């Protein structure tokens, strides 16, 4: 819980503060109580989570993948 001593200090409280700021500036239609945020440690972890969310939202198990391309191309 947010009231516990472990939560009131350190990076967790900073994450909560950032989430509150992000929620305040979310575009209309996305700013509902069901919105969820995920902090990731890497781009690969972020992409993995995005794929999981897309699969859950669409009900489709497959994704399209392009090989041999760089993000900067």
Protein backbone atom coordinates (compact mmCIF):
# COMPACT_ATOMS: atom_id res chain seq x y z
CA UNK A 1 0.00 0.00 0.00
CA UNK A 2 1.12 3.55 -0.64
CA UNK A 3 0.93 4.33 3.07
CA UNK A 4 3.58 1.79 4.04
CA UNK A 5 7.04 3.10 5.04
CA UNK A 6 8.76 1.24 2.18
CA UNK A 7 6.60 3.02 -0.39
CA UNK A 8 6.92 6.53 1.05
CA UNK A 9 10.61 6.76 0.13
CA UNK A 10 12.87 5.90 -2.74
CA UNK A 11 12.21 5.22 -6.41
CA UNK A 12 8.67 3.88 -5.91
CA UNK A 13 7.34 7.25 -4.74
CA UNK A 14 9.09 8.87 -7.71
CA UNK A 15 7.38 6.41 -10.04
CA UNK A 16 4.01 7.14 -8.46
CA UNK A 17 4.60 10.88 -8.84
CA UNK A 18 5.52 10.39 -12.52
CA UNK A 19 2.42 8.26 -13.10
CA UNK A 20 0.23 10.95 -11.59
CA UNK A 21 1.78 13.53 -13.92
CA UNK A 22 1.33 11.26 -16.95
CA UNK A 23 -2.32 10.64 -16.09
CA UNK A 24 -2.88 14.39 -15.84
CA UNK A 25 -1.73 14.94 -19.45
CA UNK A 26 -3.22 11.86 -21.10
CA UNK A 27 -5.33 12.56 -24.20
CA UNK A 28 -9.10 12.37 -23.91
CA UNK A 29 -10.39 8.87 -24.33
CA UNK A 30 -7.32 7.35 -22.72
CA UNK A 31 -7.68 9.11 -19.38
CA UNK A 32 -9.96 6.58 -17.71
CA UNK A 33 -9.59 4.61 -14.50
CA UNK A 34 -8.72 1.46 -16.47
CA UNK A 35 -5.52 2.95 -17.93
CA UNK A 36 -2.42 1.02 -16.88
CA UNK A 37 1.25 1.95 -16.97
CA UNK A 38 4.31 -0.28 -16.99
CA UNK A 39 7.87 0.77 -16.24
CA UNK A 40 10.38 -1.28 -18.25
CA UNK A 41 14.12 -1.70 -17.88
CA UNK A 42 14.88 -2.01 -21.59
CA UNK A 43 13.45 -1.52 -25.03
CA UNK A 44 13.21 -5.27 -25.48
CA UNK A 45 11.14 -5.56 -22.32
CA UNK A 46 8.90 -2.70 -23.50
CA UNK A 47 8.35 -4.37 -26.89
CA UNK A 48 7.61 -7.72 -25.23
CA UNK A 49 4.98 -6.06 -23.04
CA UNK A 50 3.50 -4.20 -26.02
CA UNK A 51 3.14 -7.49 -27.91
CA UNK A 52 1.42 -9.10 -24.92
CA UNK A 53 -1.00 -6.17 -24.63
CA UNK A 54 -1.73 -6.22 -28.38
CA UNK A 55 -2.41 -9.97 -28.30
CA UNK A 56 -4.73 -9.59 -25.32
CA UNK A 57 -6.57 -6.62 -26.83
CA UNK A 58 -7.08 -8.18 -30.27
CA UNK A 59 -7.35 -11.85 -29.36
CA UNK A 60 -4.94 -12.61 -32.21
CA UNK A 61 -2.00 -14.86 -31.32
CA UNK A 62 0.33 -13.91 -34.19
CA UNK A 63 2.40 -10.81 -34.92
CA UNK A 64 4.19 -9.50 -38.01
CA UNK A 65 7.96 -9.31 -37.74
CA UNK A 66 10.42 -7.67 -40.14
CA UNK A 67 13.96 -9.02 -40.09
CA UNK A 68 17.18 -7.38 -41.19
CA UNK A 69 16.12 -3.80 -40.54
CA UNK A 70 17.54 -1.27 -38.16
CA UNK A 71 15.41 1.19 -36.23
CA UNK A 72 17.42 4.07 -37.69
CA UNK A 73 16.74 3.12 -41.34
